Amino acid sequence: MLTLIILTGVIVAFADNDKEIPLSWVPDQAMEAAKKAVPGIHIVEAERHRTHKGVVYELDGVADGKKYEVNVTADGEVLTIIQDRETSLNQR
């Protein structure tokens, strides 16, 4: 029985690694950093990832008709900005 409880905890820990979350769960510092990094961005989707840097938020949005993905830490450090070359989110 003890083994089952430990395994269940491990499975839950891995299942929680990459997860879509409500925008309201993104820390204010992370959201503000993304908006500063890509002026005019309207963030429409967020995911939370656990990495060697700790928790990283992947924020997807649109600015000037182009899709962007901004990866930022909870304390507002922008790690990457990716501009998608395909159809923007608002043109789907």
N, C-alpha and C. Protein backbone atom coordinates (compact mmCIF):
# COMPACT_ATOMS: atom_id res chain seq x y z
N MET A 1 0.82 -1.19 0.00
CA MET A 1 0.00 0.00 0.00
C MET A 1 0.86 1.26 0.00
N LEU A 2 1.93 1.25 0.77
CA LEU A 2 2.83 2.39 0.83
C LEU A 2 3.44 2.67 -0.54
N THR A 3 3.82 1.64 -1.27
CA THR A 3 4.39 1.80 -2.60
C THR A 3 3.40 2.47 -3.54
N LEU A 4 2.15 2.10 -3.48
CA LEU A 4 1.13 2.69 -4.33
C LEU A 4 0.99 4.18 -4.06
N ILE A 5 1.02 4.57 -2.81
CA ILE A 5 0.90 5.98 -2.45
C ILE A 5 2.10 6.76 -2.98
N ILE A 6 3.29 6.22 -2.86
CA ILE A 6 4.49 6.90 -3.37
C ILE A 6 4.42 7.02 -4.89
N LEU A 7 4.05 5.96 -5.57
CA LEU A 7 3.96 6.00 -7.03
C LEU A 7 2.90 7.00 -7.48
N THR A 8 1.79 7.05 -6.79
CA THR A 8 0.75 8.00 -7.14
C THR A 8 1.28 9.43 -7.02
N GLY A 9 2.03 9.71 -5.96
CA GLY A 9 2.61 11.03 -5.78
C GLY A 9 3.58 11.39 -6.89
N VAL A 10 4.36 10.43 -7.35
CA VAL A 10 5.30 10.66 -8.45
C VAL A 10 4.54 10.95 -9.73
N ILE A 11 3.51 10.19 -10.00
CA ILE A 11 2.72 10.40 -11.21
C ILE A 11 2.08 11.77 -11.20
N VAL A 12 1.53 12.17 -10.08
CA VAL A 12 0.92 13.50 -9.97
C VAL A 12 1.97 14.58 -10.19
N ALA A 13 3.17 14.41 -9.65
CA ALA A 13 4.23 15.40 -9.82
C ALA A 13 4.60 15.56 -11.29
N PHE A 14 4.71 14.44 -12.01
CA PHE A 14 5.04 14.53 -13.43
C PHE A 14 3.88 15.07 -14.25
N ALA A 15 2.67 14.72 -13.90
CA ALA A 15 1.49 15.17 -14.65
C ALA A 15 1.32 16.68 -14.52
N ASP A 16 1.79 17.27 -13.42
CA ASP A 16 1.63 18.69 -13.18
C ASP A 16 2.74 19.52 -13.83
N ASN A 17 3.69 18.89 -14.49
CA ASN A 17 4.85 19.59 -15.04
C ASN A 17 4.48 20.63 -16.09
N ASP A 18 3.77 20.24 -17.11
CA ASP A 18 3.37 21.15 -18.19
C ASP A 18 1.85 21.22 -18.18
N LYS A 19 1.34 22.43 -17.97
CA LYS A 19 -0.08 22.53 -17.73
C LYS A 19 -0.61 23.88 -18.20
N GLU A 20 -1.71 23.85 -18.96
CA GLU A 20 -2.38 25.10 -19.32
C GLU A 20 -3.06 25.64 -18.07
N ILE A 21 -2.94 26.94 -17.87
CA ILE A 21 -3.51 27.55 -16.67
C ILE A 21 -4.30 28.80 -17.05
N PRO A 22 -5.22 29.22 -16.18
CA PRO A 22 -5.93 30.48 -16.42
C PRO A 22 -4.95 31.66 -16.37
N LEU A 23 -5.21 32.68 -17.15
CA LEU A 23 -4.35 33.86 -17.14
C LEU A 23 -4.26 34.48 -15.75
N SER A 24 -5.31 34.35 -14.97
CA SER A 24 -5.31 34.94 -13.63
C SER A 24 -4.30 34.27 -12.69
N TRP A 25 -3.82 33.09 -13.06
CA TRP A 25 -2.82 32.39 -12.24
C TRP A 25 -1.39 32.83 -12.55
N VAL A 26 -1.20 33.59 -13.61
CA VAL A 26 0.15 34.04 -13.99
C VAL A 26 0.53 35.20 -13.06
N PRO A 27 1.70 35.14 -12.43
CA PRO A 27 2.11 36.24 -11.54
C PRO A 27 2.17 37.57 -12.29
N ASP A 28 1.80 38.63 -11.60
CA ASP A 28 1.79 39.97 -12.21
C ASP A 28 3.14 40.33 -12.82
N GLN A 29 4.23 39.99 -12.13
CA GLN A 29 5.57 40.33 -12.64
C GLN A 29 5.83 39.63 -13.97
N ALA A 30 5.40 38.39 -14.11
CA ALA A 30 5.60 37.65 -15.35
C ALA A 30 4.77 38.27 -16.48
N MET A 31 3.53 38.60 -16.18
CA MET A 31 2.64 39.18 -17.19
C MET A 31 3.17 40.54 -17.65
N GLU A 32 3.58 41.38 -16.71
CA GLU A 32 4.10 42.70 -17.06
C GLU A 32 5.38 42.60 -17.87
N ALA A 33 6.24 41.66 -17.53
CA ALA A 33 7.49 41.49 -18.28
C ALA A 33 7.21 41.09 -19.72
N ALA A 34 6.24 40.21 -19.93
CA ALA A 34 5.88 39.79 -21.29
C ALA A 34 5.33 40.97 -22.08
N LYS A 35 4.50 41.78 -21.44
CA LYS A 35 3.91 42.94 -22.12
C LYS A 35 4.96 43.99 -22.45
N LYS A 36 5.95 44.11 -21.60
CA LYS A 36 7.04 45.05 -21.87
C LYS A 36 7.95 44.52 -22.99
N ALA A 37 8.16 43.20 -23.02
CA ALA A 37 9.03 42.59 -24.03
C ALA A 37 8.43 42.65 -25.42
N VAL A 38 7.10 42.56 -25.51
CA VAL A 38 6.40 42.63 -26.80
C VAL A 38 5.31 43.69 -26.67
N PRO A 39 5.66 44.95 -26.97
CA PRO A 39 4.68 46.04 -26.82
C PRO A 39 3.40 45.76 -27.61
N GLY A 40 2.28 46.01 -26.96
CA GLY A 40 0.98 45.84 -27.61
C GLY A 40 0.44 44.42 -27.60
N ILE A 41 1.15 43.48 -26.97
CA ILE A 41 0.69 42.09 -26.99
C ILE A 41 -0.60 41.93 -26.18
N HIS A 42 -1.49 41.13 -26.74
CA HIS A 42 -2.72 40.73 -26.05
C HIS A 42 -2.55 39.25 -25.74
N ILE A 43 -2.30 38.93 -24.49
CA ILE A 43 -2.03 37.55 -24.10
C ILE A 43 -3.35 36.80 -23.99
N VAL A 44 -3.41 35.63 -24.66
CA VAL A 44 -4.65 34.88 -24.73
C VAL A 44 -4.57 33.49 -24.10
N GLU A 45 -3.36 33.03 -23.81
CA GLU A 45 -3.20 31.67 -23.31
C GLU A 45 -1.93 31.57 -22.49
N ALA A 46 -1.95 30.73 -21.45
CA ALA A 46 -0.78 30.56 -20.60
C ALA A 46 -0.60 29.09 -20.24
N GLU A 47 0.67 28.69 -20.15
CA GLU A 47 1.03 27.36 -19.65
C GLU A 47 2.11 27.53 -18.61
N ARG A 48 2.14 26.60 -17.67
CA ARG A 48 3.16 26.61 -16.63
C ARG A 48 4.05 25.38 -16.83
N HIS A 49 5.37 25.60 -16.82
CA HIS A 49 6.34 24.51 -17.01
C HIS A 49 7.35 24.55 -15.87
N ARG A 50 7.77 23.38 -15.44
CA ARG A 50 8.86 23.30 -14.46
C ARG A 50 10.14 22.96 -15.22
N THR A 51 11.17 23.79 -15.04
CA THR A 51 12.44 23.60 -15.74
C THR A 51 13.59 23.74 -14.74
N HIS A 52 14.80 23.66 -15.26
CA HIS A 52 15.97 23.88 -14.40
C HIS A 52 16.01 25.31 -13.86
N LYS A 53 15.29 26.23 -14.50
CA LYS A 53 15.19 27.62 -14.04
C LYS A 53 14.08 27.79 -13.01
N GLY A 54 13.38 26.72 -12.70
CA GLY A 54 12.22 26.80 -11.80
C GLY A 54 10.96 26.82 -12.63
N VAL A 55 9.94 27.50 -12.15
CA VAL A 55 8.68 27.59 -12.89
C VAL A 55 8.82 28.64 -13.98
N VAL A 56 8.45 28.26 -15.20
CA VAL A 56 8.48 29.16 -16.34
C VAL A 56 7.07 29.22 -16.92
N TYR A 57 6.64 30.42 -17.25
CA TYR A 57 5.33 30.62 -17.84
C TYR A 57 5.49 30.86 -19.33
N GLU A 58 4.76 30.08 -20.12
CA GLU A 58 4.73 30.26 -21.57
C GLU A 58 3.46 31.04 -21.86
N LEU A 59 3.62 32.27 -22.32
CA LEU A 59 2.50 33.15 -22.57
C LEU A 59 2.36 33.36 -24.08
N ASP A 60 1.20 32.99 -24.61
CA ASP A 60 0.92 33.12 -26.04
C ASP A 60 -0.01 34.29 -26.26
N GLY A 61 0.32 35.09 -27.28
CA GLY A 61 -0.51 36.24 -27.56
C GLY A 61 -0.31 36.77 -28.96
N VAL A 62 -0.97 37.90 -29.22
CA VAL A 62 -0.95 38.52 -30.53
C VAL A 62 -0.59 39.99 -30.39
N ALA A 63 0.29 40.46 -31.28
CA ALA A 63 0.62 41.88 -31.38
C ALA A 63 0.81 42.21 -32.85
N ASP A 64 0.17 43.25 -33.31
CA ASP A 64 0.27 43.68 -34.71
C ASP A 64 -0.03 42.53 -35.68
N GLY A 65 -1.01 41.69 -35.34
CA GLY A 65 -1.42 40.61 -36.23
C GLY A 65 -0.48 39.42 -36.27
N LYS A 66 0.52 39.40 -35.40
CA LYS A 66 1.49 38.29 -35.37
C LYS A 66 1.38 37.56 -34.04
N LYS A 67 1.55 36.22 -34.08
CA LYS A 67 1.53 35.42 -32.87
C LYS A 67 2.89 35.44 -32.20
N TYR A 68 2.88 35.51 -30.89
CA TYR A 68 4.11 35.46 -30.10
C TYR A 68 3.97 34.46 -28.98
N GLU A 69 5.11 33.87 -28.62
CA GLU A 69 5.22 33.05 -27.43
C GLU A 69 6.33 33.68 -26.60
N VAL A 70 6.01 34.06 -25.37
CA VAL A 70 6.99 34.66 -24.48
C VAL A 70 7.15 33.72 -23.29
N ASN A 71 8.37 33.29 -23.04
CA ASN A 71 8.67 32.43 -21.89
C ASN A 71 9.33 33.30 -20.84
N VAL A 72 8.73 33.31 -19.65
CA VAL A 72 9.15 34.23 -18.60
C VAL A 72 9.07 33.53 -17.24
N THR A 73 10.00 33.87 -16.35
CA THR A 73 9.97 33.31 -15.00
C THR A 73 8.95 34.07 -14.15
N ALA A 74 8.63 33.51 -13.00
CA ALA A 74 7.65 34.12 -12.11
C ALA A 74 8.07 35.51 -11.64
N ASP A 75 9.38 35.73 -11.55
CA ASP A 75 9.86 37.05 -11.10
C ASP A 75 10.08 38.04 -12.24
N GLY A 76 9.68 37.66 -13.47
CA GLY A 76 9.70 38.61 -14.57
C GLY A 76 10.91 38.57 -15.47
N GLU A 77 11.73 37.56 -15.38
CA GLU A 77 12.87 37.43 -16.28
C GLU A 77 12.40 36.82 -17.60
N VAL A 78 12.53 37.56 -18.69
CA VAL A 78 12.13 37.04 -20.01
C VAL A 78 13.24 36.13 -20.52
N LEU A 79 12.88 34.88 -20.80
CA LEU A 79 13.87 33.90 -21.25
C LEU A 79 13.92 33.81 -22.76
N THR A 80 12.77 33.77 -23.41
CA THR A 80 12.72 33.72 -24.88
C THR A 80 11.48 34.43 -25.38
N ILE A 81 11.60 34.94 -26.60
CA ILE A 81 10.46 35.50 -27.34
C ILE A 81 10.48 34.84 -28.71
N ILE A 82 9.40 34.20 -29.06
CA ILE A 82 9.31 33.52 -30.34
C ILE A 82 8.16 34.14 -31.13
N GLN A 83 8.45 34.59 -32.34
CA GLN A 83 7.40 35.10 -33.21
C GLN A 83 7.04 34.01 -34.20
N ASP A 84 5.77 33.64 -34.22
CA ASP A 84 5.29 32.60 -35.12
C ASP A 84 5.12 33.19 -36.51
N ARG A 85 5.59 32.48 -37.50
CA ARG A 85 5.50 32.96 -38.88
C ARG A 85 4.21 32.55 -39.57
N GLU A 86 3.40 31.75 -38.87
CA GLU A 86 2.15 31.28 -39.46
C GLU A 86 1.00 32.22 -39.10
N THR A 87 -0.21 31.81 -39.43
CA THR A 87 -1.41 32.60 -39.18
C THR A 87 -1.51 33.02 -37.72
N SER A 88 -1.86 34.25 -37.49
CA SER A 88 -1.98 34.73 -36.11
C SER A 88 -3.22 34.14 -35.45
N LEU A 89 -3.26 34.20 -34.14
CA LEU A 89 -4.37 33.64 -33.37
C LEU A 89 -5.70 34.27 -33.74
N ASN A 90 -5.71 35.56 -34.05
CA ASN A 90 -6.97 36.22 -34.35
C ASN A 90 -7.40 36.03 -35.81
N GLN A 91 -6.64 35.28 -36.60
CA GLN A 91 -7.01 35.03 -37.99
C GLN A 91 -7.44 33.59 -38.21
N ARG A 92 -7.57 32.81 -37.16
CA ARG A 92 -7.98 31.41 -37.29
C ARG A 92 -9.44 31.31 -37.61
